[in-house]
């Protein structure tokens, strides 16, 4: 019991030091707040003293956009669509990997254990159907996101 009390007493100042706020933390942060990239579309959100600046780009061409009340929704939509496209791409990769695993398992069962393959063909068909359905849904969503990114980029840069 004494050891536990000593540990708590000695770790308490360390915890307080980690929770305290120093002078640098109290100042307003100026710099990069967020960034993202998907399919050659990029954005960097910069915090400056006077507001927010967005650096958006496509294939190396970048544009600086000052965030105003008029374009706030457009830049937020651009950021959200870029982020969702990246997520959807990785969901598609996972779906295709899933289909490849099911295909390899089916081939293994077909070659090595034909009796077990005949018994599990309906289960394999259900798993394959789920994988194909999921991959198609994610690919349609990804296509929609890419079109939305392109439209948002054109609205912001024109």
N, C-alpha and C. Protein backbone atom coordinates (compact mmCIF):
# COMPACT_ATOMS: atom_id res chain seq x y z
N UNK A 1 0.82 -1.19 0.00
CA UNK A 1 0.00 0.00 0.00
C UNK A 1 0.87 1.25 0.00
N UNK A 2 1.99 1.21 0.75
CA UNK A 2 2.88 2.36 0.80
C UNK A 2 3.55 2.60 -0.55
N UNK A 3 3.86 1.51 -1.27
CA UNK A 3 4.48 1.65 -2.58
C UNK A 3 3.53 2.34 -3.55
N UNK A 4 2.28 1.97 -3.50
CA UNK A 4 1.29 2.59 -4.38
C UNK A 4 1.13 4.06 -4.06
N UNK A 5 1.12 4.40 -2.79
CA UNK A 5 1.00 5.80 -2.39
C UNK A 5 2.22 6.60 -2.84
N UNK A 6 3.42 6.02 -2.71
CA UNK A 6 4.64 6.70 -3.16
C UNK A 6 4.63 6.90 -4.67
N UNK A 7 4.18 5.89 -5.41
CA UNK A 7 4.11 6.00 -6.86
C UNK A 7 3.17 7.12 -7.26
N UNK A 8 2.02 7.18 -6.62
CA UNK A 8 1.06 8.24 -6.92
C UNK A 8 1.63 9.61 -6.57
N UNK A 9 2.26 9.74 -5.44
CA UNK A 9 2.82 11.04 -5.03
C UNK A 9 3.96 11.50 -5.94
N UNK A 10 4.78 10.57 -6.41
CA UNK A 10 5.86 10.96 -7.30
C UNK A 10 5.40 11.20 -8.74
N UNK A 11 4.34 10.52 -9.16
CA UNK A 11 3.86 10.74 -10.52
C UNK A 11 2.91 11.94 -10.62
N UNK A 12 2.39 12.42 -9.53
CA UNK A 12 1.48 13.55 -9.54
C UNK A 12 2.11 14.82 -10.12
N UNK A 13 3.36 15.19 -9.74
CA UNK A 13 3.96 16.38 -10.38
C UNK A 13 4.17 16.20 -11.88
N UNK A 14 4.47 15.01 -12.32
CA UNK A 14 4.67 14.76 -13.74
C UNK A 14 3.34 14.96 -14.49
N UNK A 15 2.27 14.47 -13.92
CA UNK A 15 0.95 14.64 -14.53
C UNK A 15 0.58 16.11 -14.57
N UNK A 16 0.83 16.84 -13.49
CA UNK A 16 0.51 18.27 -13.47
C UNK A 16 1.34 19.05 -14.49
N UNK A 17 2.59 18.67 -14.67
CA UNK A 17 3.42 19.36 -15.66
C UNK A 17 2.90 19.13 -17.07
N UNK A 18 2.40 17.95 -17.33
CA UNK A 18 1.84 17.66 -18.65
C UNK A 18 0.53 18.36 -18.90
N UNK A 19 -0.21 18.68 -17.86
CA UNK A 19 -1.52 19.32 -18.01
C UNK A 19 -1.44 20.84 -17.98
N UNK A 20 -0.29 21.38 -17.60
CA UNK A 20 -0.20 22.83 -17.49
C UNK A 20 -0.02 23.46 -18.87
N UNK A 21 -0.35 24.72 -18.97
CA UNK A 21 -0.27 25.44 -20.23
C UNK A 21 0.88 26.44 -20.14
N UNK A 22 1.79 26.35 -21.10
CA UNK A 22 2.90 27.29 -21.10
C UNK A 22 2.58 28.48 -22.00
N UNK A 23 3.50 29.40 -22.12
CA UNK A 23 3.27 30.62 -22.88
C UNK A 23 3.07 30.35 -24.37
N UNK A 24 3.79 29.38 -24.93
CA UNK A 24 3.64 29.05 -26.35
C UNK A 24 2.25 28.49 -26.65
N UNK A 25 1.70 27.71 -25.72
CA UNK A 25 0.38 27.14 -25.94
C UNK A 25 -0.71 28.21 -25.86
N UNK A 26 -0.47 29.26 -25.11
CA UNK A 26 -1.48 30.30 -24.94
C UNK A 26 -1.56 31.21 -26.16
N UNK A 27 -0.50 31.27 -26.98
CA UNK A 27 -0.53 32.10 -28.18
C UNK A 27 -1.43 31.47 -29.23
N UNK A 28 -1.93 32.29 -30.12
CA UNK A 28 -2.76 31.79 -31.20
C UNK A 28 -1.90 31.04 -32.21
N UNK A 29 -2.35 29.88 -32.60
CA UNK A 29 -1.59 29.04 -33.52
C UNK A 29 -1.68 29.60 -34.93
N UNK A 30 -0.54 29.68 -35.59
CA UNK A 30 -0.47 30.10 -36.98
C UNK A 30 0.32 29.02 -37.73
N UNK A 31 -0.29 28.44 -38.74
CA UNK A 31 0.39 27.40 -39.50
C UNK A 31 -0.59 26.46 -40.16
N UNK A 32 -0.11 25.27 -40.48
CA UNK A 32 -0.91 24.28 -41.18
C UNK A 32 -1.86 23.60 -40.18
N UNK A 33 -3.14 23.64 -40.50
CA UNK A 33 -4.14 23.00 -39.65
C UNK A 33 -4.47 21.61 -40.17
N UNK A 34 -4.64 21.48 -41.47
CA UNK A 34 -4.98 20.18 -42.04
C UNK A 34 -4.55 20.09 -43.48
N UNK A 35 -4.40 18.86 -43.94
CA UNK A 35 -4.04 18.64 -45.33
C UNK A 35 -4.56 17.28 -45.77
N UNK A 36 -4.76 17.14 -47.06
CA UNK A 36 -5.24 15.87 -47.59
C UNK A 36 -4.93 15.75 -49.07
N UNK A 37 -4.98 14.51 -49.55
CA UNK A 37 -4.67 14.25 -50.95
C UNK A 37 -5.42 13.00 -51.40
N UNK A 38 -5.96 13.06 -52.59
CA UNK A 38 -6.59 11.89 -53.20
C UNK A 38 -6.61 12.08 -54.71
N UNK A 39 -6.03 11.14 -55.43
CA UNK A 39 -6.07 11.12 -56.90
C UNK A 39 -5.58 12.45 -57.49
N UNK A 40 -4.45 12.92 -57.06
CA UNK A 40 -3.79 14.14 -57.53
C UNK A 40 -4.49 15.43 -57.10
N UNK A 41 -5.59 15.36 -56.39
CA UNK A 41 -6.23 16.54 -55.83
C UNK A 41 -5.71 16.71 -54.41
N UNK A 42 -5.28 17.93 -54.09
CA UNK A 42 -4.71 18.18 -52.77
C UNK A 42 -5.34 19.43 -52.15
N UNK A 43 -5.22 19.49 -50.84
CA UNK A 43 -5.59 20.71 -50.13
C UNK A 43 -4.72 20.84 -48.89
N UNK A 44 -4.41 22.07 -48.54
CA UNK A 44 -3.71 22.39 -47.30
C UNK A 44 -4.45 23.57 -46.69
N UNK A 45 -4.87 23.42 -45.45
CA UNK A 45 -5.58 24.47 -44.74
C UNK A 45 -4.58 25.19 -43.84
N UNK A 46 -4.39 26.49 -44.10
CA UNK A 46 -3.44 27.29 -43.35
C UNK A 46 -4.18 28.29 -42.47
N UNK A 47 -3.76 28.40 -41.22
CA UNK A 47 -4.33 29.39 -40.30
C UNK A 47 -3.38 30.57 -40.27
N UNK A 48 -3.93 31.73 -40.54
CA UNK A 48 -3.14 32.97 -40.48
C UNK A 48 -3.81 33.91 -39.51
N UNK A 49 -3.16 35.02 -39.23
CA UNK A 49 -3.72 35.97 -38.27
C UNK A 49 -5.07 36.50 -38.71
N UNK A 50 -5.21 36.76 -39.99
CA UNK A 50 -6.44 37.37 -40.49
C UNK A 50 -7.52 36.36 -40.85
N UNK A 51 -7.24 35.07 -40.85
CA UNK A 51 -8.24 34.06 -41.19
C UNK A 51 -7.61 32.80 -41.72
N UNK A 52 -8.35 32.12 -42.55
CA UNK A 52 -7.90 30.85 -43.11
C UNK A 52 -7.58 31.01 -44.59
N UNK A 53 -6.52 30.32 -45.02
CA UNK A 53 -6.14 30.28 -46.42
C UNK A 53 -6.08 28.83 -46.84
N UNK A 54 -6.65 28.53 -47.98
CA UNK A 54 -6.65 27.18 -48.54
C UNK A 54 -5.71 27.15 -49.73
N UNK A 55 -4.85 26.16 -49.75
CA UNK A 55 -3.99 25.91 -50.90
C UNK A 55 -4.51 24.62 -51.53
N UNK A 56 -5.21 24.76 -52.65
CA UNK A 56 -5.76 23.58 -53.30
C UNK A 56 -5.00 23.35 -54.59
N UNK A 57 -4.94 22.10 -55.02
CA UNK A 57 -4.19 21.82 -56.22
C UNK A 57 -4.64 20.56 -56.92
N UNK A 58 -4.24 20.49 -58.17
CA UNK A 58 -4.48 19.30 -58.99
C UNK A 58 -3.30 19.12 -59.92
N UNK A 59 -2.66 17.96 -59.83
CA UNK A 59 -1.50 17.60 -60.65
C UNK A 59 -0.42 18.69 -60.62
N UNK A 60 -0.11 19.17 -59.44
CA UNK A 60 0.98 20.13 -59.29
C UNK A 60 0.58 21.59 -59.43
N UNK A 61 -0.55 21.88 -60.02
CA UNK A 61 -1.01 23.27 -60.11
C UNK A 61 -1.73 23.62 -58.81
N UNK A 62 -1.26 24.67 -58.16
CA UNK A 62 -1.87 25.05 -56.89
C UNK A 62 -2.47 26.45 -56.97
N UNK A 63 -3.49 26.66 -56.18
CA UNK A 63 -4.15 27.95 -56.09
C UNK A 63 -4.34 28.29 -54.62
N UNK A 64 -4.08 29.53 -54.27
CA UNK A 64 -4.33 30.00 -52.91
C UNK A 64 -5.68 30.69 -52.87
N UNK A 65 -6.50 30.29 -51.92
CA UNK A 65 -7.84 30.83 -51.80
C UNK A 65 -8.04 31.31 -50.37
N UNK A 66 -8.39 32.57 -50.21
CA UNK A 66 -8.73 33.10 -48.90
C UNK A 66 -10.16 32.67 -48.58
N UNK A 67 -10.36 32.09 -47.41
CA UNK A 67 -11.70 31.66 -47.03
C UNK A 67 -12.54 32.86 -46.62
N UNK A 68 -13.69 33.00 -47.26
CA UNK A 68 -14.64 34.06 -46.94
C UNK A 68 -16.00 33.42 -46.68
N UNK A 69 -16.94 34.23 -46.28
CA UNK A 69 -18.29 33.72 -46.05
C UNK A 69 -18.90 33.21 -47.35
N UNK A 70 -18.52 33.81 -48.45
CA UNK A 70 -19.08 33.42 -49.75
C UNK A 70 -18.59 32.06 -50.23
N UNK A 71 -17.32 31.72 -49.95
CA UNK A 71 -16.78 30.46 -50.46
C UNK A 71 -16.53 29.42 -49.37
N UNK A 72 -17.00 29.68 -48.17
CA UNK A 72 -16.76 28.75 -47.07
C UNK A 72 -17.35 27.37 -47.34
N UNK A 73 -18.56 27.32 -47.84
CA UNK A 73 -19.19 26.03 -48.13
C UNK A 73 -18.46 25.28 -49.25
N UNK A 74 -17.97 26.02 -50.24
CA UNK A 74 -17.28 25.38 -51.37
C UNK A 74 -15.96 24.73 -50.94
N UNK A 75 -15.18 25.43 -50.12
CA UNK A 75 -13.90 24.86 -49.70
C UNK A 75 -14.10 23.71 -48.72
N UNK A 76 -15.12 23.80 -47.88
CA UNK A 76 -15.41 22.70 -46.97
C UNK A 76 -15.88 21.47 -47.75
N UNK A 77 -16.69 21.69 -48.78
CA UNK A 77 -17.15 20.58 -49.62
C UNK A 77 -15.96 19.94 -50.35
N UNK A 78 -15.03 20.75 -50.83
CA UNK A 78 -13.84 20.23 -51.50
C UNK A 78 -13.03 19.36 -50.53
N UNK A 79 -12.84 19.86 -49.31
CA UNK A 79 -12.09 19.11 -48.31
C UNK A 79 -12.78 17.78 -47.99
N UNK A 80 -14.08 17.80 -47.82
CA UNK A 80 -14.82 16.59 -47.47
C UNK A 80 -14.79 15.57 -48.60
N UNK A 81 -14.92 16.03 -49.83
CA UNK A 81 -14.93 15.09 -50.95
C UNK A 81 -13.55 14.47 -51.19
N UNK A 82 -12.50 15.26 -50.98
CA UNK A 82 -11.15 14.70 -51.12
C UNK A 82 -10.92 13.64 -50.04
N UNK A 83 -11.33 13.93 -48.82
CA UNK A 83 -11.15 12.97 -47.73
C UNK A 83 -11.99 11.72 -47.96
N UNK A 84 -13.23 11.89 -48.40
CA UNK A 84 -14.08 10.72 -48.61
C UNK A 84 -13.59 9.88 -49.80
N UNK A 85 -13.04 10.51 -50.83
CA UNK A 85 -12.52 9.75 -51.96
C UNK A 85 -11.34 8.88 -51.54
N UNK A 86 -10.51 9.40 -50.66
CA UNK A 86 -9.37 8.61 -50.18
C UNK A 86 -9.86 7.41 -49.38
N UNK A 87 -10.85 7.61 -48.53
CA UNK A 87 -11.41 6.53 -47.74
C UNK A 87 -12.08 5.49 -48.64
N UNK A 88 -12.82 5.96 -49.62
CA UNK A 88 -13.52 5.05 -50.52
C UNK A 88 -12.53 4.23 -51.37
N UNK A 89 -11.41 4.84 -51.73
CA UNK A 89 -10.40 4.09 -52.48
C UNK A 89 -9.89 2.91 -51.65
N UNK A 90 -9.60 3.16 -50.38
CA UNK A 90 -9.10 2.08 -49.54
C UNK A 90 -10.19 1.05 -49.24
N UNK A 91 -11.44 1.48 -49.17
CA UNK A 91 -12.53 0.51 -49.03
C UNK A 91 -12.61 -0.38 -50.27
N UNK A 92 -12.39 0.19 -51.43
CA UNK A 92 -12.40 -0.60 -52.67
C UNK A 92 -11.24 -1.59 -52.68
N UNK A 93 -10.07 -1.17 -52.21
CA UNK A 93 -8.93 -2.07 -52.14
C UNK A 93 -9.24 -3.24 -51.20
N UNK A 94 -9.86 -2.95 -50.07
CA UNK A 94 -10.21 -4.02 -49.13
C UNK A 94 -11.24 -4.95 -49.75
N UNK A 95 -12.22 -4.41 -50.45
CA UNK A 95 -13.25 -5.25 -51.09
C UNK A 95 -12.64 -6.17 -52.14
N UNK A 96 -11.75 -5.65 -52.95
CA UNK A 96 -11.11 -6.48 -53.98
C UNK A 96 -10.20 -7.53 -53.35
N UNK A 97 -9.50 -7.16 -52.27
CA UNK A 97 -8.68 -8.13 -51.56
C UNK A 97 -9.54 -9.24 -50.98
N UNK A 98 -10.69 -8.87 -50.44
CA UNK A 98 -11.65 -9.85 -49.92
C UNK A 98 -12.07 -10.82 -51.03
N UNK A 99 -12.39 -10.28 -52.20
CA UNK A 99 -12.78 -11.15 -53.32
C UNK A 99 -11.65 -12.08 -53.74
N UNK A 100 -10.43 -11.57 -53.72
CA UNK A 100 -9.28 -12.43 -54.06
C UNK A 100 -9.09 -13.55 -53.04
N UNK A 101 -9.30 -13.25 -51.78
CA UNK A 101 -9.18 -14.28 -50.74
C UNK A 101 -10.26 -15.34 -50.93
N UNK A 102 -11.50 -14.91 -51.20
CA UNK A 102 -12.58 -15.87 -51.44
C UNK A 102 -12.27 -16.71 -52.68
N UNK A 103 -11.74 -16.09 -53.73
CA UNK A 103 -11.41 -16.84 -54.94
C UNK A 103 -10.31 -17.86 -54.67
N UNK A 104 -9.28 -17.48 -53.92
CA UNK A 104 -8.20 -18.41 -53.59
C UNK A 104 -8.71 -19.57 -52.73
N UNK A 105 -9.56 -19.25 -51.77
CA UNK A 105 -10.14 -20.30 -50.92
C UNK A 105 -11.01 -21.25 -51.75
N UNK A 106 -11.77 -20.70 -52.66
CA UNK A 106 -12.61 -21.53 -53.53
C UNK A 106 -11.75 -22.43 -54.41
N UNK A 107 -10.71 -21.89 -54.98
CA UNK A 107 -9.81 -22.68 -55.82
C UNK A 107 -9.14 -23.78 -55.01
N UNK A 108 -8.72 -23.45 -53.78
CA UNK A 108 -8.09 -24.45 -52.91
C UNK A 108 -9.07 -25.58 -52.59
N UNK A 109 -10.31 -25.21 -52.23
CA UNK A 109 -11.30 -26.23 -51.92
C UNK A 109 -11.65 -27.06 -53.15
N UNK A 110 -11.69 -26.43 -54.31
CA UNK A 110 -12.02 -27.16 -55.54
C UNK A 110 -10.93 -28.15 -55.90
N UNK A 111 -9.68 -27.75 -55.75
CA UNK A 111 -8.57 -28.62 -56.16
C UNK A 111 -8.29 -29.70 -55.12
N UNK A 112 -8.24 -29.32 -53.85
CA UNK A 112 -7.81 -30.25 -52.81
C UNK A 112 -8.94 -31.09 -52.21
N UNK A 113 -10.07 -30.48 -51.96
CA UNK A 113 -11.13 -31.18 -51.23
C UNK A 113 -12.46 -30.98 -51.95
N UNK A 114 -12.67 -31.76 -52.95
CA UNK A 114 -13.87 -31.61 -53.78
C UNK A 114 -15.16 -31.88 -52.99
N UNK A 115 -15.13 -32.81 -52.06
CA UNK A 115 -16.34 -33.10 -51.28
C UNK A 115 -16.71 -31.90 -50.41
N UNK A 116 -15.74 -31.30 -49.79
CA UNK A 116 -16.00 -30.12 -48.95
C UNK A 116 -16.43 -28.94 -49.82
N UNK A 117 -15.88 -28.85 -51.02
CA UNK A 117 -16.28 -27.79 -51.94
C UNK A 117 -17.75 -27.91 -52.31
N UNK A 118 -18.20 -29.14 -52.60
CA UNK A 118 -19.59 -29.35 -52.98
C UNK A 118 -20.54 -29.01 -51.83
N UNK A 119 -20.10 -29.23 -50.61
CA UNK A 119 -20.95 -28.95 -49.44
C UNK A 119 -21.01 -27.45 -49.13
N UNK A 120 -19.98 -26.73 -49.47
CA UNK A 120 -19.92 -25.31 -49.08
C UNK A 120 -20.13 -24.34 -50.25
N UNK A 121 -20.56 -24.83 -51.37
CA UNK A 121 -20.69 -23.97 -52.55
C UNK A 121 -21.70 -22.85 -52.32
N UNK A 122 -22.77 -23.09 -51.59
CA UNK A 122 -23.76 -22.02 -51.36
C UNK A 122 -23.19 -20.94 -50.46
N UNK A 123 -22.43 -21.33 -49.45
CA UNK A 123 -21.81 -20.35 -48.56
C UNK A 123 -20.79 -19.52 -49.33
N UNK A 124 -20.02 -20.16 -50.17
CA UNK A 124 -19.03 -19.45 -50.98
C UNK A 124 -19.73 -18.48 -51.93
N UNK A 125 -20.85 -18.92 -52.52
CA UNK A 125 -21.60 -18.05 -53.42
C UNK A 125 -22.14 -16.82 -52.69
N UNK A 126 -22.60 -17.00 -51.46
CA UNK A 126 -23.09 -15.86 -50.67
C UNK A 126 -21.95 -14.90 -50.38
N UNK A 127 -20.80 -15.41 -49.95
CA UNK A 127 -19.65 -14.54 -49.67
C UNK A 127 -19.16 -13.83 -50.93
N UNK A 128 -19.17 -14.53 -52.05
CA UNK A 128 -18.76 -13.91 -53.31
C UNK A 128 -19.74 -12.82 -53.72
N UNK A 129 -21.03 -13.10 -53.58
CA UNK A 129 -22.04 -12.11 -53.90
C UNK A 129 -21.92 -10.87 -53.03
N UNK A 130 -21.67 -11.06 -51.75
CA UNK A 130 -21.47 -9.92 -50.84
C UNK A 130 -20.26 -9.11 -51.27
N UNK A 131 -19.17 -9.77 -51.60
CA UNK A 131 -17.96 -9.07 -52.02
C UNK A 131 -18.16 -8.28 -53.30
N UNK A 132 -18.84 -8.87 -54.27
CA UNK A 132 -19.09 -8.17 -55.53
C UNK A 132 -20.02 -6.99 -55.30
N UNK A 133 -21.07 -7.19 -54.52
CA UNK A 133 -22.01 -6.09 -54.23
C UNK A 133 -21.29 -4.94 -53.53
N UNK A 134 -20.47 -5.26 -52.54
CA UNK A 134 -19.75 -4.22 -51.80
C UNK A 134 -18.76 -3.48 -52.70
N UNK A 135 -18.02 -4.22 -53.52
CA UNK A 135 -17.05 -3.59 -54.41
C UNK A 135 -17.74 -2.68 -55.43
N UNK A 136 -18.88 -3.10 -55.95
CA UNK A 136 -19.59 -2.26 -56.92
C UNK A 136 -20.15 -1.00 -56.25
N UNK A 137 -20.70 -1.14 -55.06
CA UNK A 137 -21.24 0.01 -54.35
C UNK A 137 -20.15 1.03 -54.04
N UNK A 138 -19.02 0.55 -53.56
CA UNK A 138 -17.91 1.45 -53.23
C UNK A 138 -17.34 2.09 -54.49
N UNK A 139 -17.29 1.35 -55.60
CA UNK A 139 -16.76 1.94 -56.84
C UNK A 139 -17.70 3.02 -57.37
N UNK A 140 -19.01 2.82 -57.26
CA UNK A 140 -19.96 3.87 -57.66
C UNK A 140 -19.82 5.10 -56.78
N UNK A 141 -19.66 4.88 -55.46
CA UNK A 141 -19.47 6.01 -54.55
C UNK A 141 -18.18 6.75 -54.84
N UNK A 142 -17.13 6.01 -55.16
CA UNK A 142 -15.85 6.62 -55.50
C UNK A 142 -15.96 7.44 -56.78
N UNK A 143 -16.66 6.92 -57.76
CA UNK A 143 -16.86 7.66 -59.00
C UNK A 143 -17.63 8.96 -58.74
N UNK A 144 -18.64 8.88 -57.92
CA UNK A 144 -19.42 10.06 -57.56
C UNK A 144 -18.54 11.08 -56.83
N UNK A 145 -17.70 10.61 -55.92
CA UNK A 145 -16.80 11.51 -55.19
C UNK A 145 -15.80 12.19 -56.12
N UNK A 146 -15.27 11.44 -57.08
CA UNK A 146 -14.31 12.03 -58.02
C UNK A 146 -14.96 13.11 -58.88
N UNK A 147 -16.20 12.87 -59.29
CA UNK A 147 -16.92 13.91 -60.03
C UNK A 147 -17.18 15.13 -59.17
N UNK A 148 -17.50 14.92 -57.89
CA UNK A 148 -17.75 16.03 -56.98
C UNK A 148 -16.46 16.81 -56.70
N UNK A 149 -15.34 16.10 -56.59
CA UNK A 149 -14.06 16.79 -56.39
C UNK A 149 -13.75 17.67 -57.58
N UNK A 150 -13.91 17.13 -58.77
CA UNK A 150 -13.62 17.90 -59.98
C UNK A 150 -14.51 19.14 -60.07
N UNK A 151 -15.80 18.97 -59.76
CA UNK A 151 -16.72 20.11 -59.81
C UNK A 151 -16.35 21.16 -58.77
N UNK A 152 -16.02 20.72 -57.56
CA UNK A 152 -15.63 21.67 -56.50
C UNK A 152 -14.34 22.39 -56.86
N UNK A 153 -13.40 21.65 -57.44
CA UNK A 153 -12.13 22.27 -57.82
C UNK A 153 -12.36 23.34 -58.88
N UNK A 154 -13.19 23.03 -59.86
CA UNK A 154 -13.47 24.01 -60.92
C UNK A 154 -14.19 25.24 -60.37
N UNK A 155 -15.13 25.04 -59.44
CA UNK A 155 -15.84 26.18 -58.84
C UNK A 155 -14.86 27.07 -58.08
N UNK A 156 -13.93 26.46 -57.38
CA UNK A 156 -12.99 27.26 -56.56
C UNK A 156 -11.92 27.96 -57.39
N UNK A 157 -11.52 27.35 -58.49
CA UNK A 157 -10.41 27.94 -59.25
C UNK A 157 -10.86 28.84 -60.39
N UNK A 158 -12.14 28.87 -60.68
CA UNK A 158 -12.61 29.75 -61.77
C UNK A 158 -12.99 31.08 -61.22
